Amino acid sequence: MAGRHYPIRFVNGTEIVPEGRVDLDSASAIREAVISGVGAGHLVRRLVQEDIDQGRIIELLPSMKLQTVPLQAIHVSGNMPPHRLTLLVNFVAGAMRRA
């Protein structure tokens, strides 16, 4: 991410700008770093819920809700979306409804 620190924004308007010596952009790498004690990470709960339940990861700000992030599927204008894109969008929408 070219060394740029992106803020973590909460619903109440609070922002945290992470700083540190390690900057990762892979959720699995962040998870492993957190479990190894390198520092704190900003991760999707579904990825780490088992780690939280097992005590490998501690949730630092449980009462702070994050702003939602839109999910967009983009395809070439004027063309029908590829079938695989339609399948992916339907899968994600179904998963989100079940969450």
PDB file of N, CA and C in Angstrom:
ATOM      1  N   MET A   1       0.827  -1.190   0.000  1.00  0.00           N
ATOM      2  CA  MET A   1       0.000   0.000   0.000  1.00  0.00           C
ATOM      3  C   MET A   1       0.872   1.255   0.000  1.00  0.00           C
ATOM      4  N   ALA A   2       2.055   1.094  -0.549  1.00  0.00           N
ATOM      5  CA  ALA A   2       2.981   2.210  -0.748  1.00  0.00           C
ATOM      6  C   ALA A   2       3.329   2.939   0.542  1.00  0.00           C
ATOM      7  N   GLY A   3       3.335   2.205   1.661  1.00  0.00           N
ATOM      8  CA  GLY A   3       3.716   2.814   2.929  1.00  0.00           C
ATOM      9  C   GLY A   3       2.679   3.730   3.542  1.00  0.00           C
ATOM     10  N   ARG A   4       1.528   3.842   2.923  1.00  0.00           N
ATOM     11  CA  ARG A   4       0.475   4.728   3.437  1.00  0.00           C
ATOM     12  C   ARG A   4      -0.323   4.007   4.520  1.00  0.00           C
ATOM     13  N   HIS A   5      -0.555   4.685   5.614  1.00  0.00           N
ATOM     14  CA  HIS A   5      -1.366   4.135   6.696  1.00  0.00           C
ATOM     15  C   HIS A   5      -2.813   4.561   6.494  1.00  0.00           C
ATOM     16  N   TYR A   6      -3.704   3.601   6.446  1.00  0.00           N
ATOM     17  CA  TYR A   6      -5.126   3.898   6.260  1.00  0.00           C
ATOM     18  C   TYR A   6      -5.830   3.871   7.609  1.00  0.00           C
ATOM     19  N   PRO A   7      -6.644   4.879   7.897  1.00  0.00           N
ATOM     20  CA  PRO A   7      -7.317   4.924   9.198  1.00  0.00           C
ATOM     21  C   PRO A   7      -8.407   3.867   9.309  1.00  0.00           C
ATOM     22  N   ILE A   8      -8.623   3.429  10.534  1.00  0.00           N
ATOM     23  CA  ILE A   8      -9.736   2.550  10.866  1.00  0.00           C
ATOM     24  C   ILE A   8     -10.818   3.476  11.410  1.00  0.00           C
ATOM     25  N   ARG A   9     -11.982   3.484  10.774  1.00  0.00           N
ATOM     26  CA  ARG A   9     -13.060   4.408  11.153  1.00  0.00           C
ATOM     27  C   ARG A   9     -14.180   3.661  11.871  1.00  0.00           C
ATOM     28  N   PHE A  10     -14.608   4.246  12.967  1.00  0.00           N
ATOM     29  CA  PHE A  10     -15.693   3.674  13.753  1.00  0.00           C
ATOM     30  C   PHE A  10     -16.970   4.474  13.518  1.00  0.00           C
ATOM     31  N   VAL A  11     -18.105   3.851  13.809  1.00  0.00           N
ATOM     32  CA  VAL A  11     -19.410   4.462  13.582  1.00  0.00           C
ATOM     33  C   VAL A  11     -19.537   5.786  14.325  1.00  0.00           C
ATOM     34  N   ASN A  12     -18.947   5.892  15.504  1.00  0.00           N
ATOM     35  CA  ASN A  12     -19.085   7.117  16.300  1.00  0.00           C
ATOM     36  C   ASN A  12     -18.181   8.255  15.818  1.00  0.00           C
ATOM     37  N   GLY A  13     -17.440   8.038  14.722  1.00  0.00           N
ATOM     38  CA  GLY A  13     -16.586   9.073  14.164  1.00  0.00           C
ATOM     39  C   GLY A  13     -15.128   8.971  14.574  1.00  0.00           C
ATOM     40  N   THR A  14     -14.822   8.147  15.554  1.00  0.00           N
ATOM     41  CA  THR A  14     -13.444   7.961  15.990  1.00  0.00           C
ATOM     42  C   THR A  14     -12.633   7.296  14.879  1.00  0.00           C
ATOM     43  N   GLU A  15     -11.402   7.750  14.732  1.00  0.00           N
ATOM     44  CA  GLU A  15     -10.483   7.132  13.776  1.00  0.00           C
ATOM     45  C   GLU A  15      -9.204   6.742  14.493  1.00  0.00           C
ATOM     46  N   ILE A  16      -8.668   5.598  14.108  1.00  0.00           N
ATOM     47  CA  ILE A  16      -7.370   5.154  14.597  1.00  0.00           C
ATOM     48  C   ILE A  16      -6.479   4.988  13.378  1.00  0.00           C
ATOM     49  N   VAL A  17      -5.306   5.599  13.394  1.00  0.00           N
ATOM     50  CA  VAL A  17      -4.342   5.432  12.304  1.00  0.00           C
ATOM     51  C   VAL A  17      -3.248   4.514  12.823  1.00  0.00           C
ATOM     52  N   PRO A  18      -3.201   3.278  12.304  1.00  0.00           N
ATOM     53  CA  PRO A  18      -2.201   2.337  12.798  1.00  0.00           C
ATOM     54  C   PRO A  18      -0.782   2.798  12.464  1.00  0.00           C
ATOM     55  N   GLU A  19       0.104   2.573  13.392  1.00  0.00           N
ATOM     56  CA  GLU A  19       1.517   2.857  13.179  1.00  0.00           C
ATOM     57  C   GLU A  19       2.303   1.661  13.681  1.00  0.00           C
ATOM     58  N   GLY A  20       3.444   1.433  13.093  1.00  0.00           N
ATOM     59  CA  GLY A  20       4.288   0.335  13.550  1.00  0.00           C
ATOM     60  C   GLY A  20       5.296  -0.055  12.502  1.00  0.00           C
ATOM     61  N   ARG A  21       6.081  -1.048  12.839  1.00  0.00           N
ATOM     62  CA  ARG A  21       7.147  -1.508  11.957  1.00  0.00           C
ATOM     63  C   ARG A  21       6.689  -2.564  10.963  1.00  0.00           C
ATOM     64  N   VAL A  22       5.562  -3.202  11.262  1.00  0.00           N
ATOM     65  CA  VAL A  22       5.054  -4.260  10.390  1.00  0.00           C
ATOM     66  C   VAL A  22       3.781  -3.763   9.731  1.00  0.00           C
ATOM     67  N   ASP A  23       3.708  -3.873   8.409  1.00  0.00           N
ATOM     68  CA  ASP A  23       2.533  -3.450   7.650  1.00  0.00           C
ATOM     69  C   ASP A  23       2.180  -4.572   6.692  1.00  0.00           C
ATOM     70  N   LEU A  24       1.079  -5.234   6.940  1.00  0.00           N
ATOM     71  CA  LEU A  24       0.659  -6.384   6.133  1.00  0.00           C
ATOM     72  C   LEU A  24      -0.660  -6.085   5.455  1.00  0.00           C
ATOM     73  N   ASP A  25      -0.855  -6.673   4.267  1.00  0.00           N
ATOM     74  CA  ASP A  25      -2.133  -6.480   3.580  1.00  0.00           C
ATOM     75  C   ASP A  25      -2.801  -7.812   3.253  1.00  0.00           C
ATOM     76  N   SER A  26      -2.418  -8.855   3.949  1.00  0.00           N
ATOM     77  CA  SER A  26      -3.021 -10.171   3.793  1.00  0.00           C
ATOM     78  C   SER A  26      -3.680 -10.539   5.117  1.00  0.00           C
ATOM     79  N   ALA A  27      -4.976 -10.832   5.084  1.00  0.00           N
ATOM     80  CA  ALA A  27      -5.695 -11.164   6.314  1.00  0.00           C
ATOM     81  C   ALA A  27      -5.067 -12.355   7.024  1.00  0.00           C
ATOM     82  N   SER A  28      -4.647 -13.364   6.283  1.00  0.00           N
ATOM     83  CA  SER A  28      -4.044 -14.536   6.931  1.00  0.00           C
ATOM     84  C   SER A  28      -2.704 -14.175   7.567  1.00  0.00           C
ATOM     85  N   ALA A  29      -1.932 -13.299   6.932  1.00  0.00           N
ATOM     86  CA  ALA A  29      -0.656 -12.866   7.506  1.00  0.00           C
ATOM     87  C   ALA A  29      -0.892 -12.017   8.755  1.00  0.00           C
ATOM     88  N   ILE A  30      -1.902 -11.130   8.709  1.00  0.00           N
ATOM     89  CA  ILE A  30      -2.234 -10.316   9.880  1.00  0.00           C
ATOM     90  C   ILE A  30      -2.657 -11.216  11.032  1.00  0.00           C
ATOM     91  N   ARG A  31      -3.499 -12.194  10.741  1.00  0.00           N
ATOM     92  CA  ARG A  31      -3.957 -13.137  11.767  1.00  0.00           C
ATOM     93  C   ARG A  31      -2.775 -13.846  12.406  1.00  0.00           C
ATOM     94  N   GLU A  32      -1.875 -14.367  11.604  1.00  0.00           N
ATOM     95  CA  GLU A  32      -0.702 -15.070  12.134  1.00  0.00           C
ATOM     96  C   GLU A  32       0.173 -14.142  12.966  1.00  0.00           C
ATOM     97  N   ALA A  33       0.341 -12.894  12.515  1.00  0.00           N
ATOM     98  CA  ALA A  33       1.148 -11.933  13.265  1.00  0.00           C
ATOM     99  C   ALA A  33       0.517 -11.636  14.625  1.00  0.00           C
ATOM    100  N   VAL A  34      -0.796 -11.474  14.650  1.00  0.00           N
ATOM    101  CA  VAL A  34      -1.501 -11.200  15.903  1.00  0.00           C
ATOM    102  C   VAL A  34      -1.350 -12.384  16.854  1.00  0.00           C
ATOM    103  N   ILE A  35      -1.581 -13.588  16.356  1.00  0.00           N
ATOM    104  CA  ILE A  35      -1.454 -14.792  17.185  1.00  0.00           C
ATOM    105  C   ILE A  35      -0.029 -14.932  17.719  1.00  0.00           C
ATOM    106  N   SER A  36       0.952 -14.530  16.915  1.00  0.00           N
ATOM    107  CA  SER A  36       2.361 -14.629  17.316  1.00  0.00           C
ATOM    108  C   SER A  36       2.784 -13.529  18.276  1.00  0.00           C
ATOM    109  N   GLY A  37       1.904 -12.567  18.524  1.00  0.00           N
ATOM    110  CA  GLY A  37       2.214 -11.511  19.472  1.00  0.00           C
ATOM    111  C   GLY A  37       2.930 -10.314  18.879  1.00  0.00           C
ATOM    112  N   VAL A  38       2.916 -10.180  17.561  1.00  0.00           N
ATOM    113  CA  VAL A  38       3.589  -9.049  16.911  1.00  0.00           C
ATOM    114  C   VAL A  38       2.884  -7.737  17.225  1.00  0.00           C
ATOM    115  N   GLY A  39       1.575  -7.769  17.343  1.00  0.00           N
ATOM    116  CA  GLY A  39       0.827  -6.550  17.631  1.00  0.00           C
ATOM    117  C   GLY A  39      -0.652  -6.755  17.419  1.00  0.00           C
ATOM    118  N   ALA A  40      -1.360  -5.654  17.262  1.00  0.00           N
ATOM    119  CA  ALA A  40      -2.810  -5.683  17.059  1.00  0.00           C
ATOM    120  C   ALA A  40      -3.106  -5.747  15.573  1.00  0.00           C
ATOM    121  N   GLY A  41      -4.272  -6.257  15.236  1.00  0.00           N
ATOM    122  CA  GLY A  41      -4.689  -6.338  13.845  1.00  0.00           C
ATOM    123  C   GLY A  41      -6.145  -5.959  13.699  1.00  0.00           C
ATOM    124  N   HIS A  42      -6.507  -5.573  12.504  1.00  0.00           N
ATOM    125  CA  HIS A  42      -7.878  -5.202  12.150  1.00  0.00           C
ATOM    126  C   HIS A  42      -8.361  -6.300  11.216  1.00  0.00           C
ATOM    127  N   LEU A  43      -9.205  -7.196  11.730  1.00  0.00           N
ATOM    128  CA  LEU A  43      -9.593  -8.388  10.980  1.00  0.00           C
ATOM    129  C   LEU A  43     -11.104  -8.614  11.014  1.00  0.00           C
ATOM    130  N   VAL A  44     -11.587  -9.321  10.024  1.00  0.00           N
ATOM    131  CA  VAL A  44     -13.001  -9.700   9.949  1.00  0.00           C
ATOM    132  C   VAL A  44     -13.265 -10.771  11.005  1.00  0.00           C
ATOM    133  N   ARG A  45     -14.311 -10.558  11.792  1.00  0.00           N
ATOM    134  CA  ARG A  45     -14.616 -11.476  12.896  1.00  0.00           C
ATOM    135  C   ARG A  45     -14.722 -12.934  12.446  1.00  0.00           C
ATOM    136  N   ARG A  46     -15.356 -13.163  11.318  1.00  0.00           N
ATOM    137  CA  ARG A  46     -15.527 -14.547  10.853  1.00  0.00           C
ATOM    138  C   ARG A  46     -14.197 -15.270  10.692  1.00  0.00           C
ATOM    139  N   LEU A  47     -13.155 -14.524  10.358  1.00  0.00           N
ATOM    140  CA  LEU A  47     -11.842 -15.123  10.164  1.00  0.00           C
ATOM    141  C   LEU A  47     -11.190 -15.511  11.490  1.00  0.00           C
ATOM    142  N   VAL A  48     -11.513 -14.785  12.563  1.00  0.00           N
ATOM    143  CA  VAL A  48     -10.813 -14.989  13.829  1.00  0.00           C
ATOM    144  C   VAL A  48     -11.716 -15.420  14.983  1.00  0.00           C
ATOM    145  N   GLN A  49     -12.997 -15.657  14.744  1.00  0.00           N
ATOM    146  CA  GLN A  49     -13.905 -15.994  15.845  1.00  0.00           C
ATOM    147  C   GLN A  49     -13.426 -17.219  16.608  1.00  0.00           C
ATOM    148  N   GLU A  50     -12.972 -18.240  15.920  1.00  0.00           N
ATOM    149  CA  GLU A  50     -12.479 -19.436  16.605  1.00  0.00           C
ATOM    150  C   GLU A  50     -11.246 -19.101  17.454  1.00  0.00           C
ATOM    151  N   ASP A  51     -10.375 -18.234  16.934  1.00  0.00           N
ATOM    152  CA  ASP A  51      -9.197 -17.823  17.702  1.00  0.00           C
ATOM    153  C   ASP A  51      -9.604 -17.051  18.955  1.00  0.00           C
ATOM    154  N   ILE A  52     -10.632 -16.210  18.849  1.00  0.00           N
ATOM    155  CA  ILE A  52     -11.146 -15.478  20.014  1.00  0.00           C
ATOM    156  C   ILE A  52     -11.722 -16.471  21.017  1.00  0.00           C
ATOM    157  N   ASP A  53     -12.539 -17.416  20.531  1.00  0.00           N
ATOM    158  CA  ASP A  53     -13.157 -18.422  21.403  1.00  0.00           C
ATOM    159  C   ASP A  53     -12.107 -19.279  22.117  1.00  0.00           C
ATOM    160  N   GLN A  54     -11.003 -19.573  21.440  1.00  0.00           N
ATOM    161  CA  GLN A  54      -9.935 -20.417  21.997  1.00  0.00           C
ATOM    162  C   GLN A  54      -8.934 -19.621  22.832  1.00  0.00           C
ATOM    163  N   GLY A  55      -9.076 -18.287  22.865  1.00  0.00           N
ATOM    164  CA  GLY A  55      -8.181 -17.466  23.662  1.00  0.00           C
ATOM    165  C   GLY A  55      -6.857 -17.132  22.991  1.00  0.00           C
ATOM    166  N   ARG A  56      -6.730 -17.425  21.705  1.00  0.00           N
ATOM    167  CA  ARG A  56      -5.487 -17.104  20.976  1.00  0.00           C
ATOM    168  C   ARG A  56      -5.426 -15.630  20.605  1.00  0.00           C
ATOM    169  N   ILE A  57      -6.607 -15.006  20.469  1.00  0.00           N
ATOM    170  CA  ILE A  57      -6.708 -13.586  20.119  1.00  0.00           C
ATOM    171  C   ILE A  57      -7.657 -12.930  21.120  1.00  0.00           C
ATOM    172  N   ILE A  58      -7.305 -11.722  21.542  1.00  0.00           N
ATOM    173  CA  ILE A  58      -8.143 -10.945  22.453  1.00  0.00           C
ATOM    174  C   ILE A  58      -8.732  -9.774  21.676  1.00  0.00           C
ATOM    175  N   GLU A  59     -10.029  -9.612  21.784  1.00  0.00           N
ATOM    176  CA  GLU A  59     -10.696  -8.477  21.131  1.00  0.00           C
ATOM    177  C   GLU A  59     -10.432  -7.225  21.961  1.00  0.00           C
ATOM    178  N   LEU A  60      -9.836  -6.205  21.333  1.00  0.00           N
ATOM    179  CA  LEU A  60      -9.419  -5.015  22.065  1.00  0.00           C
ATOM    180  C   LEU A  60     -10.524  -3.991  22.291  1.00  0.00           C
ATOM    181  N   LEU A  61     -11.384  -3.776  21.328  1.00  0.00           N
ATOM    182  CA  LEU A  61     -12.418  -2.747  21.444  1.00  0.00           C
ATOM    183  C   LEU A  61     -13.792  -3.344  21.129  1.00  0.00           C
ATOM    184  N   PRO A  62     -14.294  -4.230  21.997  1.00  0.00           N
ATOM    185  CA  PRO A  62     -15.543  -4.936  21.670  1.00  0.00           C
ATOM    186  C   PRO A  62     -16.767  -4.048  21.529  1.00  0.00           C
ATOM    187  N   SER A  63     -16.789  -2.879  22.190  1.00  0.00           N
ATOM    188  CA  SER A  63     -17.979  -2.028  22.104  1.00  0.00           C
ATOM    189  C   SER A  63     -17.920  -1.049  20.934  1.00  0.00           C
ATOM    190  N   MET A  64     -16.796  -0.969  20.246  1.00  0.00           N
ATOM    191  CA  MET A  64     -16.639  -0.034  19.126  1.00  0.00           C
ATOM    192  C   MET A  64     -17.083  -0.721  17.830  1.00  0.00           C
ATOM    193  N   LYS A  65     -18.084  -0.172  17.187  1.00  0.00           N
ATOM    194  CA  LYS A  65     -18.584  -0.721  15.923  1.00  0.00           C
ATOM    195  C   LYS A  65     -17.891  -0.029  14.759  1.00  0.00           C
ATOM    196  N   LEU A  66     -17.477  -0.813  13.774  1.00  0.00           N
ATOM    197  CA  LEU A  66     -16.822  -0.264  12.588  1.00  0.00           C
ATOM    198  C   LEU A  66     -17.846   0.237  11.586  1.00  0.00           C
ATOM    199  N   GLN A  67     -17.447   1.216  10.789  1.00  0.00           N
ATOM    200  CA  GLN A  67     -18.297   1.649   9.692  1.00  0.00           C
ATOM    201  C   GLN A  67     -18.404   0.506   8.691  1.00  0.00           C
ATOM    202  N   THR A  68     -19.535   0.420   8.027  1.00  0.00           N
ATOM    203  CA  THR A  68     -19.697  -0.609   7.012  1.00  0.00           C
ATOM    204  C   THR A  68     -18.931  -0.217   5.751  1.00  0.00           C
ATOM    205  N   VAL A  69     -18.519  -1.218   5.034  1.00  0.00           N
ATOM    206  CA  VAL A  69     -17.780  -1.005   3.790  1.00  0.00           C
ATOM    207  C   VAL A  69     -18.605  -1.618   2.668  1.00  0.00           C
ATOM    208  N   PRO A  70     -18.916  -0.846   1.635  1.00  0.00           N
ATOM    209  CA  PRO A  70     -19.724  -1.415   0.545  1.00  0.00           C
ATOM    210  C   PRO A  70     -18.925  -2.434  -0.264  1.00  0.00           C
ATOM    211  N   LEU A  71     -19.614  -3.418  -0.769  1.00  0.00           N
ATOM    212  CA  LEU A  71     -19.010  -4.403  -1.660  1.00  0.00           C
ATOM    213  C   LEU A  71     -19.570  -4.142  -3.052  1.00  0.00           C
ATOM    214  N   GLN A  72     -18.701  -3.978  -4.011  1.00  0.00           N
ATOM    215  CA  GLN A  72     -19.138  -3.678  -5.361  1.00  0.00           C
ATOM    216  C   GLN A  72     -18.593  -4.714  -6.329  1.00  0.00           C
ATOM    217  N   ALA A  73     -19.403  -5.070  -7.300  1.00  0.00           N
ATOM    218  CA  ALA A  73     -18.983  -5.947  -8.395  1.00  0.00           C
ATOM    219  C   ALA A  73     -19.025  -5.112  -9.668  1.00  0.00           C
ATOM    220  N   ILE A  74     -17.912  -5.026 -10.355  1.00  0.00           N
ATOM    221  CA  ILE A  74     -17.799  -4.155 -11.526  1.00  0.00           C
ATOM    222  C   ILE A  74     -17.556  -5.015 -12.765  1.00  0.00           C
ATOM    223  N   HIS A  75     -18.242  -4.660 -13.847  1.00  0.00           N
ATOM    224  CA  HIS A  75     -18.015  -5.346 -15.123  1.00  0.00           C
ATOM    225  C   HIS A  75     -18.082  -4.315 -16.244  1.00  0.00           C
ATOM    226  N   VAL A  76     -17.704  -4.721 -17.429  1.00  0.00           N
ATOM    227  CA  VAL A  76     -17.646  -3.821 -18.574  1.00  0.00           C
ATOM    228  C   VAL A  76     -19.051  -3.324 -18.919  1.00  0.00           C
ATOM    229  N   SER A  77     -19.177  -2.011 -19.070  1.00  0.00           N
ATOM    230  CA  SER A  77     -20.449  -1.392 -19.387  1.00  0.00           C
ATOM    231  C   SER A  77     -20.949  -1.858 -20.755  1.00  0.00           C
ATOM    232  N   GLY A  78     -22.247  -2.078 -20.846  1.00  0.00           N
ATOM    233  CA  GLY A  78     -22.857  -2.460 -22.117  1.00  0.00           C
ATOM    234  C   GLY A  78     -22.857  -3.957 -22.363  1.00  0.00           C
ATOM    235  N   ASN A  79     -22.102  -4.705 -21.575  1.00  0.00           N
ATOM    236  CA  ASN A  79     -22.078  -6.166 -21.712  1.00  0.00           C
ATOM    237  C   ASN A  79     -22.815  -6.800 -20.546  1.00  0.00           C
ATOM    238  N   MET A  80     -23.323  -7.985 -20.795  1.00  0.00           N
ATOM    239  CA  MET A  80     -23.915  -8.749 -19.698  1.00  0.00           C
ATOM    240  C   MET A  80     -22.778  -9.171 -18.775  1.00  0.00           C
ATOM    241  N   PRO A  81     -23.000  -9.147 -17.451  1.00  0.00           N
ATOM    242  CA  PRO A  81     -21.929  -9.604 -16.561  1.00  0.00           C
ATOM    243  C   PRO A  81     -21.625 -11.076 -16.814  1.00  0.00           C
ATOM    244  N   PRO A  82     -20.367 -11.452 -16.694  1.00  0.00           N
ATOM    245  CA  PRO A  82     -20.029 -12.867 -16.865  1.00  0.00           C
ATOM    246  C   PRO A  82     -20.804 -13.723 -15.854  1.00  0.00           C
ATOM    247  N   HIS A  83     -21.133 -14.920 -16.257  1.00  0.00           N
ATOM    248  CA  HIS A  83     -21.909 -15.819 -15.404  1.00  0.00           C
ATOM    249  C   HIS A  83     -21.211 -16.031 -14.057  1.00  0.00           C
ATOM    250  N   ARG A  84     -19.878 -16.154 -14.068  1.00  0.00           N
ATOM    251  CA  ARG A  84     -19.154 -16.383 -12.817  1.00  0.00           C
ATOM    252  C   ARG A  84     -19.301 -15.187 -11.862  1.00  0.00           C
ATOM    253  N   LEU A  85     -19.415 -13.972 -12.411  1.00  0.00           N
ATOM    254  CA  LEU A  85     -19.618 -12.796 -11.569  1.00  0.00           C
ATOM    255  C   LEU A  85     -21.013 -12.838 -10.945  1.00  0.00           C
ATOM    256  N   THR A  86     -22.007 -13.192 -11.734  1.00  0.00           N
ATOM    257  CA  THR A  86     -23.372 -13.315 -11.222  1.00  0.00           C
ATOM    258  C   THR A  86     -23.429 -14.360 -10.110  1.00  0.00           C
ATOM    259  N   LEU A  87     -22.753 -15.493 -10.315  1.00  0.00           N
ATOM    260  CA  LEU A  87     -22.716 -16.532  -9.285  1.00  0.00           C
ATOM    261  C   LEU A  87     -22.064 -16.015  -8.006  1.00  0.00           C
ATOM    262  N   LEU A  88     -20.953 -15.289  -8.148  1.00  0.00           N
ATOM    263  CA  LEU A  88     -20.262 -14.749  -6.983  1.00  0.00           C
ATOM    264  C   LEU A  88     -21.147 -13.753  -6.241  1.00  0.00           C
ATOM    265  N   VAL A  89     -21.771 -12.832  -6.959  1.00  0.00           N
ATOM    266  CA  VAL A  89     -22.635 -11.828  -6.330  1.00  0.00           C
ATOM    267  C   VAL A  89     -23.785 -12.519  -5.590  1.00  0.00           C
ATOM    268  N   ASN A  90     -24.405 -13.502  -6.203  1.00  0.00           N
ATOM    269  CA  ASN A  90     -25.507 -14.228  -5.558  1.00  0.00           C
ATOM    270  C   ASN A  90     -25.031 -14.977  -4.316  1.00  0.00           C
ATOM    271  N   PHE A  91     -23.836 -15.580  -4.394  1.00  0.00           N
ATOM    272  CA  PHE A  91     -23.270 -16.296  -3.247  1.00  0.00           C
ATOM    273  C   PHE A  91     -23.017 -15.341  -2.086  1.00  0.00           C
ATOM    274  N   VAL A  92     -22.368 -14.209  -2.368  1.00  0.00           N
ATOM    275  CA  VAL A  92     -22.048 -13.238  -1.314  1.00  0.00           C
ATOM    276  C   VAL A  92     -23.332 -12.657  -0.722  1.00  0.00           C
ATOM    277  N   ALA A  93     -24.299 -12.324  -1.561  1.00  0.00           N
ATOM    278  CA  ALA A  93     -25.561 -11.777  -1.061  1.00  0.00           C
ATOM    279  C   ALA A  93     -26.264 -12.781  -0.152  1.00  0.00           C
ATOM    280  N   GLY A  94     -26.267 -14.047  -0.522  1.00  0.00           N
ATOM    281  CA  GLY A  94     -26.875 -15.082   0.317  1.00  0.00           C
ATOM    282  C   GLY A  94     -26.157 -15.239   1.639  1.00  0.00           C
ATOM    283  N   ALA A  95     -24.832 -15.209   1.595  1.00  0.00           N
ATOM    284  CA  ALA A  95     -24.042 -15.323   2.822  1.00  0.00           C
ATOM    285  C   ALA A  95     -24.296 -14.140   3.742  1.00  0.00           C
ATOM    286  N   MET A  96     -24.431 -12.945   3.172  1.00  0.00           N
ATOM    287  CA  MET A  96     -24.666 -11.760   3.983  1.00  0.00           C
ATOM    288  C   MET A  96     -26.065 -11.798   4.624  1.00  0.00           C
ATOM    289  N   ARG A  97     -27.037 -12.346   3.900  1.00  0.00           N
ATOM    290  CA  ARG A  97     -28.384 -12.449   4.469  1.00  0.00           C
ATOM    291  C   ARG A  97     -28.397 -13.420   5.653  1.00  0.00           C
ATOM    292  N   ARG A  98     -27.587 -14.471   5.592  1.00  0.00           N
ATOM    293  CA  ARG A  98     -27.528 -15.473   6.652  1.00  0.00           C
ATOM    294  C   ARG A  98     -26.729 -14.985   7.859  1.00  0.00           C
ATOM    295  N   ALA A  99     -25.885 -13.981   7.667  1.00  0.00           N
ATOM    296  CA  ALA A  99     -24.990 -13.522   8.755  1.00  0.00           C
ATOM    297  C   ALA A  99     -25.724 -12.799   9.853  1.00  0.00           C
TER     298      ALA A  99
END
